[in-house]
Amino acid sequence: MEIYTMTNTHEKWEKTAAFAEKCSWGAGKYLAELMRKDFFKDWERVFAVFEADEPVGFCTLNEKDELDPKYPYTPLIGFVFVDELHRGKRISEKMIKAVLEYAKTIGYDKVYIMSGEKGLYEKYGFSYMGDFESIYGGKDQLFVISI
């Protein structure tokens, strides 16, 4: 298993975008669109997990993800997905650790994530902050971890 920290110049960028576009999660298509439109800022990254040279999971680190821009919290992990056939191997945990390591190298001491999942991110060390407005009009849970 390899975890790649990617920008749009990475050799596995398009393969990851194609995987995201065809994955079972609807948000994958949106991520693929963002990747192909060069949406990400200089420091933002897409993380992808490959096994046998095939993508099996992805996530992002960016400024706001789905958090309403009026809140001061940044950066956020987003688009966390692992293919169903590869779940149960702690791939999400390994991706999140890679994201946290990267965030620390670029000067962050906290990282946030929004999620509707209860009990998932707490097991990785995140703490619930409350329900915050998203860019989609509703509210979602915001979690934080110090790194």
Protein backbone atom coordinates (compact mmCIF):
# COMPACT_ATOMS: atom_id res chain seq x y z
CA MET A 1 0.00 0.00 0.00
CA GLU A 2 1.27 3.45 -0.97
CA ILE A 3 -0.16 6.82 0.06
CA TYR A 4 0.55 9.65 -2.35
CA THR A 5 0.37 13.35 -1.50
CA MET A 6 -0.54 14.93 -4.80
CA THR A 7 -0.85 18.12 -6.75
CA ASN A 8 -2.08 18.28 -10.34
CA THR A 9 1.42 17.51 -11.65
CA HIS A 10 1.58 14.09 -9.94
CA GLU A 11 1.72 11.11 -12.29
CA LYS A 12 -1.25 9.45 -10.52
CA TRP A 13 -3.47 12.57 -10.50
CA GLU A 14 -5.66 11.60 -13.47
CA LYS A 15 -5.90 7.96 -12.39
CA THR A 16 -7.11 9.15 -8.98
CA ALA A 17 -9.61 11.55 -10.58
CA ALA A 18 -10.96 8.72 -12.75
CA PHE A 19 -11.31 6.48 -9.68
CA ALA A 20 -13.11 9.25 -7.76
CA GLU A 21 -15.44 9.88 -10.70
CA LYS A 22 -16.47 6.21 -10.88
CA CYS A 23 -16.57 5.40 -7.16
CA SER A 24 -19.81 4.45 -5.41
CA TRP A 25 -19.99 7.74 -3.46
CA GLY A 26 -21.68 10.62 -5.29
CA ALA A 27 -19.23 13.19 -3.93
CA GLY A 28 -16.45 11.40 -5.82
CA LYS A 29 -17.73 12.85 -9.08
CA TYR A 30 -17.52 16.34 -7.60
CA LEU A 31 -13.95 15.74 -6.42
CA ALA A 32 -12.99 14.50 -9.89
CA GLU A 33 -14.45 17.68 -11.37
CA LEU A 34 -12.48 19.84 -8.92
CA MET A 35 -9.29 17.94 -9.70
CA ARG A 36 -9.74 18.40 -13.44
CA LYS A 37 -10.55 22.11 -13.07
CA ASP A 38 -7.35 22.73 -11.07
CA PHE A 39 -9.38 23.93 -8.09
CA PHE A 40 -6.73 23.34 -5.43
CA LYS A 41 -4.48 26.09 -4.06
CA ASP A 42 -0.70 25.74 -3.94
CA TRP A 43 -0.57 24.16 -0.47
CA GLU A 44 -3.78 22.08 -0.78
CA ARG A 45 -3.43 18.39 -1.60
CA VAL A 46 -5.26 15.28 -2.70
CA PHE A 47 -4.15 12.13 -0.90
CA ALA A 48 -4.63 8.78 -2.60
CA VAL A 49 -4.03 5.24 -1.46
CA PHE A 50 -2.91 2.74 -4.08
CA GLU A 51 -2.63 -1.03 -3.84
CA ALA A 52 -1.05 -2.93 -6.73
CA ASP A 53 -0.90 0.37 -8.64
CA GLU A 54 -4.68 0.84 -8.40
CA PRO A 55 -6.41 3.54 -6.33
CA VAL A 56 -8.46 2.26 -3.40
CA GLY A 57 -9.09 5.46 -1.41
CA PHE A 58 -8.69 9.22 -1.32
CA CYS A 59 -9.14 12.35 0.74
CA THR A 60 -8.16 16.00 0.56
CA LEU A 61 -6.66 18.73 2.68
CA ASN A 62 -7.87 22.20 1.76
CA GLU A 63 -8.75 25.56 3.19
CA LYS A 64 -12.47 25.10 3.91
CA ASP A 65 -13.91 21.92 2.38
CA GLU A 66 -17.66 22.19 3.10
CA LEU A 67 -17.32 24.57 6.09
CA ASP A 68 -19.01 27.93 5.56
CA PRO A 69 -16.22 30.48 4.89
CA LYS A 70 -17.51 32.76 7.70
CA TYR A 71 -15.85 30.46 10.25
CA PRO A 72 -12.13 30.95 10.97
CA TYR A 73 -11.21 27.24 11.05
CA THR A 74 -8.67 25.89 8.57
CA PRO A 75 -7.39 23.55 7.11
CA LEU A 76 -10.01 20.83 6.66
CA ILE A 77 -9.82 17.22 5.64
CA GLY A 78 -12.48 16.40 3.08
CA PHE A 79 -13.70 13.79 0.63
CA VAL A 80 -12.65 10.79 2.77
CA PHE A 81 -13.47 7.63 0.81
CA VAL A 82 -12.26 4.03 0.77
CA ASP A 83 -13.53 1.53 -1.79
CA GLU A 84 -15.90 -1.01 -0.25
CA LEU A 85 -13.64 -3.97 -1.13
CA HIS A 86 -10.81 -2.40 0.87
CA ARG A 87 -12.63 -1.32 4.00
CA GLY A 88 -11.59 -2.76 7.35
CA LYS A 89 -7.87 -2.38 6.59
CA ARG A 90 -7.51 0.93 8.48
CA ILE A 91 -6.92 2.78 5.22
CA SER A 92 -8.84 5.88 6.36
CA GLU A 93 -6.75 6.03 9.51
CA LYS A 94 -3.52 5.77 7.51
CA MET A 95 -4.65 8.48 5.08
CA ILE A 96 -5.62 10.79 7.93
CA LYS A 97 -2.22 10.27 9.58
CA ALA A 98 -0.55 11.20 6.27
CA VAL A 99 -2.71 14.33 6.04
CA LEU A 100 -1.84 15.35 9.60
CA GLU A 101 1.88 14.85 8.95
CA TYR A 102 1.67 17.00 5.83
CA ALA A 103 -0.35 19.73 7.60
CA LYS A 104 2.27 19.90 10.33
CA THR A 105 5.09 20.33 7.79
CA ILE A 106 3.35 23.37 6.30
CA GLY A 107 2.87 25.04 9.68
CA TYR A 108 -0.53 24.00 11.00
CA ASP A 109 -1.03 22.87 14.59
CA LYS A 110 -4.71 21.93 14.22
CA VAL A 111 -6.73 20.23 11.51
CA TYR A 112 -10.51 20.11 11.18
CA ILE A 113 -13.02 17.80 9.56
CA MET A 114 -16.77 18.06 9.00
CA SER A 115 -18.81 14.90 9.09
CA GLY A 116 -22.23 13.46 9.68
CA GLU A 117 -20.67 10.30 11.08
CA LYS A 118 -20.87 9.84 14.85
CA GLY A 119 -17.99 8.06 16.56
CA LEU A 120 -15.82 7.73 13.46
CA TYR A 121 -13.32 10.55 13.76
CA GLU A 122 -13.20 10.53 17.55
CA LYS A 123 -11.41 7.18 17.35
CA TYR A 124 -8.66 8.94 15.36
CA GLY A 125 -8.22 11.57 18.09
CA PHE A 126 -10.59 14.27 16.84
CA SER A 127 -12.82 16.16 19.27
CA TYR A 128 -16.34 17.34 18.51
CA MET A 129 -16.62 21.15 18.41
CA GLY A 130 -20.31 21.54 17.56
CA ASP A 131 -22.63 21.77 14.60
CA PHE A 132 -21.59 24.35 12.01
CA GLU A 133 -23.14 25.62 8.79
CA SER A 134 -21.87 24.11 5.57
CA ILE A 135 -21.70 25.65 2.12
CA TYR A 136 -24.58 23.37 1.17
CA GLY A 137 -27.06 25.18 3.44
CA GLY A 138 -27.37 22.67 6.27
CA LYS A 139 -25.33 21.97 9.35
CA ASP A 140 -22.77 19.28 10.01
CA GLN A 141 -20.55 18.28 12.88
CA LEU A 142 -17.12 19.92 13.07
CA PHE A 143 -14.23 18.06 14.66
CA VAL A 144 -10.70 19.21 15.50
CA ILE A 145 -7.40 17.54 16.30
CA SER A 146 -4.20 19.15 17.59
CA ILE A 147 -1.05 17.99 15.86
